[in-house]
N, C-alpha and C. Protein backbone atom coordinates (compact mmCIF):
# COMPACT_ATOMS: atom_id res chain seq x y z
N MET A 1 95.39 96.04 79.57
CA MET A 1 96.19 97.17 80.01
C MET A 1 95.82 97.59 81.43
N GLY A 2 94.56 97.45 81.78
CA GLY A 2 94.10 97.86 83.11
C GLY A 2 94.83 97.14 84.23
N VAL A 3 95.08 95.85 84.06
CA VAL A 3 95.77 95.08 85.09
C VAL A 3 97.21 95.56 85.24
N ILE A 4 97.85 95.89 84.13
CA ILE A 4 99.23 96.39 84.18
C ILE A 4 99.29 97.72 84.93
N ILE A 5 98.31 98.58 84.69
CA ILE A 5 98.27 99.88 85.38
C ILE A 5 98.06 99.68 86.87
N ILE A 6 97.20 98.75 87.24
CA ILE A 6 96.96 98.48 88.67
C ILE A 6 98.25 97.97 89.32
N ILE A 7 98.93 97.05 88.66
CA ILE A 7 100.20 96.53 89.19
C ILE A 7 101.21 97.66 89.32
N LEU A 8 101.26 98.52 88.31
CA LEU A 8 102.17 99.66 88.34
C LEU A 8 101.83 100.61 89.49
N GLN A 9 100.55 100.85 89.72
CA GLN A 9 100.13 101.72 90.83
C GLN A 9 100.55 101.13 92.16
N VAL A 10 100.38 99.82 92.33
CA VAL A 10 100.78 99.17 93.58
C VAL A 10 102.29 99.29 93.77
N LEU A 11 103.05 99.02 92.71
CA LEU A 11 104.51 99.12 92.80
C LEU A 11 104.96 100.54 93.14
N LEU A 12 104.37 101.52 92.46
CA LEU A 12 104.72 102.91 92.75
C LEU A 12 104.32 103.30 94.17
N GLY A 13 103.16 102.83 94.60
CA GLY A 13 102.73 103.10 95.96
C GLY A 13 103.72 102.57 96.98
N ILE A 14 104.18 101.35 96.77
CA ILE A 14 105.15 100.74 97.68
C ILE A 14 106.48 101.48 97.63
N ILE A 15 106.95 101.79 96.43
CA ILE A 15 108.23 102.49 96.29
C ILE A 15 108.18 103.85 97.00
N PHE A 16 107.08 104.58 96.82
CA PHE A 16 107.01 105.91 97.43
C PHE A 16 106.75 105.85 98.93
N ILE A 17 106.13 104.79 99.42
CA ILE A 17 106.02 104.62 100.87
C ILE A 17 107.41 104.39 101.46
N ILE A 18 108.19 103.56 100.80
CA ILE A 18 109.55 103.28 101.28
C ILE A 18 110.42 104.53 101.24
N THR A 19 110.44 105.21 100.09
CA THR A 19 111.31 106.39 99.99
C THR A 19 110.80 107.55 100.84
N GLY A 20 109.48 107.73 100.89
CA GLY A 20 108.93 108.79 101.73
C GLY A 20 109.25 108.57 103.20
N SER A 21 109.15 107.33 103.65
CA SER A 21 109.49 107.00 105.04
C SER A 21 110.96 107.24 105.32
N LYS A 22 111.79 106.88 104.34
CA LYS A 22 113.23 107.08 104.47
C LYS A 22 113.56 108.56 104.58
N ILE A 23 112.89 109.37 103.78
CA ILE A 23 113.14 110.81 103.79
C ILE A 23 112.67 111.43 105.10
N VAL A 24 111.46 111.07 105.55
CA VAL A 24 110.91 111.62 106.79
C VAL A 24 111.77 111.24 107.99
N SER A 25 112.32 110.02 107.97
CA SER A 25 113.13 109.56 109.10
C SER A 25 114.48 110.28 109.19
N GLY A 26 114.86 110.99 108.14
CA GLY A 26 116.12 111.71 108.15
C GLY A 26 117.28 110.93 107.54
N ALA A 27 116.99 109.74 107.03
CA ALA A 27 118.05 108.90 106.46
C ALA A 27 118.67 109.52 105.21
N MET A 28 117.96 110.42 104.56
CA MET A 28 118.48 111.05 103.35
C MET A 28 118.84 112.52 103.58
N ASN A 29 119.00 112.90 104.83
CA ASN A 29 119.27 114.28 105.20
C ASN A 29 120.51 114.83 104.49
N GLU A 30 121.55 114.02 104.40
CA GLU A 30 122.80 114.48 103.78
C GLU A 30 122.60 114.87 102.32
N GLU A 31 121.74 114.13 101.62
CA GLU A 31 121.47 114.45 100.21
C GLU A 31 120.82 115.82 100.08
N PHE A 32 119.84 116.10 100.94
CA PHE A 32 119.15 117.39 100.88
C PHE A 32 120.09 118.53 101.26
N VAL A 33 120.94 118.31 102.26
CA VAL A 33 121.91 119.33 102.68
C VAL A 33 122.90 119.59 101.55
N ARG A 34 123.34 118.53 100.89
CA ARG A 34 124.30 118.65 99.79
C ARG A 34 123.76 119.51 98.66
N MET A 35 122.43 119.46 98.47
CA MET A 35 121.81 120.26 97.41
C MET A 35 121.44 121.66 97.89
N GLY A 36 121.62 121.92 99.19
CA GLY A 36 121.36 123.25 99.71
C GLY A 36 119.96 123.49 100.23
N TYR A 37 119.18 122.43 100.39
CA TYR A 37 117.82 122.59 100.90
C TYR A 37 117.81 122.65 102.42
N PRO A 38 116.87 123.41 103.00
CA PRO A 38 116.78 123.47 104.46
C PRO A 38 116.24 122.16 105.04
N GLN A 39 116.46 121.98 106.34
CA GLN A 39 116.07 120.75 107.04
C GLN A 39 114.59 120.44 106.89
N VAL A 40 113.75 121.46 106.95
CA VAL A 40 112.31 121.24 106.88
C VAL A 40 111.89 120.64 105.54
N PHE A 41 112.72 120.82 104.53
CA PHE A 41 112.41 120.29 103.21
C PHE A 41 112.32 118.78 103.22
N ASN A 42 113.10 118.11 104.08
CA ASN A 42 113.01 116.65 104.22
C ASN A 42 111.60 116.24 104.60
N GLN A 43 111.07 116.90 105.61
CA GLN A 43 109.74 116.54 106.10
C GLN A 43 108.66 116.81 105.06
N ILE A 44 108.78 117.93 104.37
CA ILE A 44 107.80 118.28 103.35
C ILE A 44 107.83 117.29 102.20
N THR A 45 109.03 117.00 101.70
CA THR A 45 109.16 116.06 100.58
C THR A 45 108.71 114.66 100.98
N GLY A 46 109.10 114.22 102.16
CA GLY A 46 108.69 112.90 102.64
C GLY A 46 107.18 112.80 102.79
N ALA A 47 106.57 113.85 103.32
CA ALA A 47 105.11 113.85 103.49
C ALA A 47 104.40 113.83 102.14
N ILE A 48 104.93 114.58 101.18
CA ILE A 48 104.34 114.58 99.83
C ILE A 48 104.41 113.18 99.24
N GLU A 49 105.56 112.53 99.39
CA GLU A 49 105.71 111.18 98.83
C GLU A 49 104.80 110.18 99.54
N LEU A 50 104.68 110.27 100.85
CA LEU A 50 103.80 109.35 101.58
C LEU A 50 102.34 109.55 101.21
N LEU A 51 101.89 110.80 101.16
CA LEU A 51 100.50 111.07 100.79
C LEU A 51 100.23 110.70 99.34
N GLY A 52 101.21 110.98 98.48
CA GLY A 52 101.07 110.60 97.08
C GLY A 52 100.99 109.09 96.92
N ALA A 53 101.78 108.36 97.70
CA ALA A 53 101.75 106.90 97.65
C ALA A 53 100.39 106.36 98.06
N LEU A 54 99.84 106.91 99.13
CA LEU A 54 98.51 106.46 99.59
C LEU A 54 97.45 106.78 98.55
N ASN A 55 97.52 107.96 97.97
CA ASN A 55 96.55 108.31 96.92
C ASN A 55 96.72 107.43 95.70
N MET A 56 97.95 107.06 95.37
CA MET A 56 98.19 106.17 94.24
C MET A 56 97.54 104.81 94.50
N LEU A 57 97.68 104.31 95.73
CA LEU A 57 97.07 103.02 96.08
C LEU A 57 95.55 103.10 96.09
N PHE A 58 94.99 104.14 96.70
CA PHE A 58 93.54 104.30 96.70
C PHE A 58 93.02 104.66 95.32
N GLY A 59 93.91 105.15 94.48
CA GLY A 59 93.56 105.48 93.10
C GLY A 59 93.20 104.26 92.27
N ILE A 60 93.50 103.09 92.78
CA ILE A 60 93.07 101.86 92.10
C ILE A 60 91.54 101.83 92.02
N PHE A 61 90.90 102.40 93.05
CA PHE A 61 89.45 102.41 93.12
C PHE A 61 88.84 103.73 92.66
N ASN A 62 89.65 104.77 92.61
CA ASN A 62 89.18 106.09 92.21
C ASN A 62 90.21 106.71 91.28
N PRO A 63 89.92 106.75 89.98
CA PRO A 63 90.91 107.24 89.02
C PRO A 63 91.35 108.69 89.25
N TYR A 64 90.49 109.51 89.85
CA TYR A 64 90.87 110.89 90.11
C TYR A 64 92.00 110.98 91.14
N LEU A 65 91.98 110.10 92.12
CA LEU A 65 93.08 110.05 93.09
C LEU A 65 94.38 109.64 92.40
N ALA A 66 94.29 108.66 91.51
CA ALA A 66 95.48 108.21 90.79
C ALA A 66 96.03 109.32 89.91
N MET A 67 95.15 110.05 89.26
CA MET A 67 95.61 111.16 88.40
C MET A 67 96.29 112.24 89.23
N GLY A 68 95.67 112.61 90.33
CA GLY A 68 96.27 113.63 91.20
C GLY A 68 97.60 113.18 91.77
N ALA A 69 97.65 111.93 92.22
CA ALA A 69 98.89 111.40 92.78
C ALA A 69 99.99 111.35 91.73
N SER A 70 99.62 110.97 90.50
CA SER A 70 100.63 110.87 89.46
C SER A 70 101.20 112.25 89.11
N VAL A 71 100.37 113.28 89.15
CA VAL A 71 100.86 114.64 88.87
C VAL A 71 101.80 115.09 89.99
N VAL A 72 101.36 114.93 91.23
CA VAL A 72 102.17 115.39 92.37
C VAL A 72 103.49 114.62 92.46
N LEU A 73 103.40 113.29 92.35
CA LEU A 73 104.62 112.48 92.44
C LEU A 73 105.53 112.70 91.23
N GLY A 74 104.93 112.87 90.07
CA GLY A 74 105.73 113.15 88.87
C GLY A 74 106.48 114.47 89.00
N CYS A 75 105.80 115.49 89.49
CA CYS A 75 106.47 116.79 89.68
C CYS A 75 107.57 116.69 90.74
N THR A 76 107.32 115.92 91.77
CA THR A 76 108.33 115.70 92.81
C THR A 76 109.56 115.02 92.23
N MET A 77 109.34 114.04 91.37
CA MET A 77 110.47 113.34 90.75
C MET A 77 111.20 114.22 89.75
N LEU A 78 110.47 115.07 89.05
CA LEU A 78 111.10 116.02 88.14
C LEU A 78 112.00 116.98 88.93
N ALA A 79 111.48 117.49 90.03
CA ALA A 79 112.26 118.40 90.88
C ALA A 79 113.48 117.67 91.45
N GLY A 80 113.30 116.41 91.83
CA GLY A 80 114.42 115.64 92.36
C GLY A 80 115.50 115.41 91.32
N ALA A 81 115.09 115.03 90.12
CA ALA A 81 116.06 114.79 89.05
C ALA A 81 116.81 116.07 88.70
N LEU A 82 116.08 117.16 88.57
CA LEU A 82 116.73 118.44 88.23
C LEU A 82 117.64 118.92 89.35
N SER A 83 117.25 118.68 90.60
CA SER A 83 118.10 119.06 91.74
C SER A 83 119.41 118.28 91.73
N LEU A 84 119.32 116.99 91.42
CA LEU A 84 120.54 116.18 91.36
C LEU A 84 121.48 116.66 90.26
N ILE A 85 120.90 117.02 89.13
CA ILE A 85 121.72 117.41 87.98
C ILE A 85 122.30 118.82 88.16
N PHE A 86 121.44 119.78 88.54
CA PHE A 86 121.87 121.17 88.54
C PHE A 86 122.39 121.67 89.89
N LEU A 87 121.80 121.22 90.99
CA LEU A 87 122.25 121.71 92.30
C LEU A 87 123.39 120.86 92.86
N ALA A 88 123.24 119.54 92.78
CA ALA A 88 124.27 118.65 93.32
C ALA A 88 125.39 118.41 92.32
N LYS A 89 125.15 118.78 91.07
CA LYS A 89 126.15 118.59 90.00
C LYS A 89 126.54 117.12 89.84
N ASP A 90 125.55 116.24 90.06
CA ASP A 90 125.78 114.81 89.89
C ASP A 90 125.71 114.44 88.41
N PRO A 91 126.30 113.30 88.04
CA PRO A 91 126.17 112.85 86.65
C PRO A 91 124.72 112.47 86.34
N LEU A 92 124.38 112.52 85.07
CA LEU A 92 123.00 112.23 84.64
C LEU A 92 122.51 110.87 85.12
N ILE A 93 123.40 109.89 85.20
CA ILE A 93 123.00 108.54 85.59
C ILE A 93 122.41 108.51 87.00
N LYS A 94 122.84 109.42 87.86
CA LYS A 94 122.32 109.46 89.23
C LYS A 94 120.86 109.92 89.26
N ALA A 95 120.44 110.66 88.24
CA ALA A 95 119.05 111.13 88.16
C ALA A 95 118.16 110.12 87.45
N LEU A 96 118.71 109.02 86.98
CA LEU A 96 117.93 108.03 86.23
C LEU A 96 116.76 107.44 87.02
N PRO A 97 116.93 107.03 88.29
CA PRO A 97 115.77 106.49 89.02
C PRO A 97 114.62 107.49 89.12
N ALA A 98 114.92 108.74 89.43
CA ALA A 98 113.86 109.75 89.52
C ALA A 98 113.20 109.97 88.17
N THR A 99 114.00 109.93 87.11
CA THR A 99 113.46 110.11 85.75
C THR A 99 112.54 108.96 85.37
N ILE A 100 112.93 107.74 85.71
CA ILE A 100 112.08 106.58 85.43
C ILE A 100 110.77 106.67 86.20
N LEU A 101 110.84 107.05 87.48
CA LEU A 101 109.62 107.20 88.27
C LEU A 101 108.74 108.32 87.70
N LEU A 102 109.35 109.38 87.22
CA LEU A 102 108.60 110.45 86.56
C LEU A 102 107.84 109.90 85.36
N LEU A 103 108.52 109.15 84.51
CA LEU A 103 107.89 108.61 83.30
C LEU A 103 106.78 107.62 83.63
N LEU A 104 106.95 106.82 84.67
CA LEU A 104 105.89 105.89 85.08
C LEU A 104 104.66 106.64 85.58
N ASN A 105 104.88 107.75 86.28
CA ASN A 105 103.75 108.57 86.72
C ASN A 105 103.04 109.22 85.54
N VAL A 106 103.80 109.63 84.54
CA VAL A 106 103.21 110.19 83.32
C VAL A 106 102.36 109.12 82.63
N LEU A 107 102.84 107.89 82.60
CA LEU A 107 102.09 106.79 81.99
C LEU A 107 100.75 106.57 82.70
N ILE A 108 100.76 106.60 84.01
CA ILE A 108 99.52 106.43 84.77
C ILE A 108 98.57 107.59 84.49
N PHE A 109 99.09 108.80 84.49
CA PHE A 109 98.25 109.95 84.21
C PHE A 109 97.62 109.83 82.82
N CYS A 110 98.42 109.51 81.84
CA CYS A 110 97.92 109.39 80.46
C CYS A 110 96.87 108.29 80.33
N TYR A 111 97.03 107.23 81.09
CA TYR A 111 96.05 106.13 81.03
C TYR A 111 94.68 106.61 81.50
N TYR A 112 94.65 107.42 82.54
CA TYR A 112 93.37 107.82 83.13
C TYR A 112 92.72 109.02 82.44
N ILE A 113 93.46 109.76 81.59
CA ILE A 113 92.80 110.90 80.93
C ILE A 113 92.11 110.47 79.69
């Protein structure tokens, strides 16, 4: 199971580096505006995802970093999924990627506790 968790941490780290970079660059600005969030929220969310991704990767060597990253990234994904459903009024299927990432972060957290 340990090898699967390490692979999962690497995959999540890569995914959140990609999405965090995309958010910080402003490529997802329209999504945040559509949900009613201010411009600065892009930078904050992107920074959280980038820092969480780095902690997830370094968490391979330090389980406390992985646990912290999984909590922060999981909460971010929960907020994202709920924002899509309730603020943007999108169909549930649009929140599926964020929900899956939330569940994967919960899995990592549960593994380390």
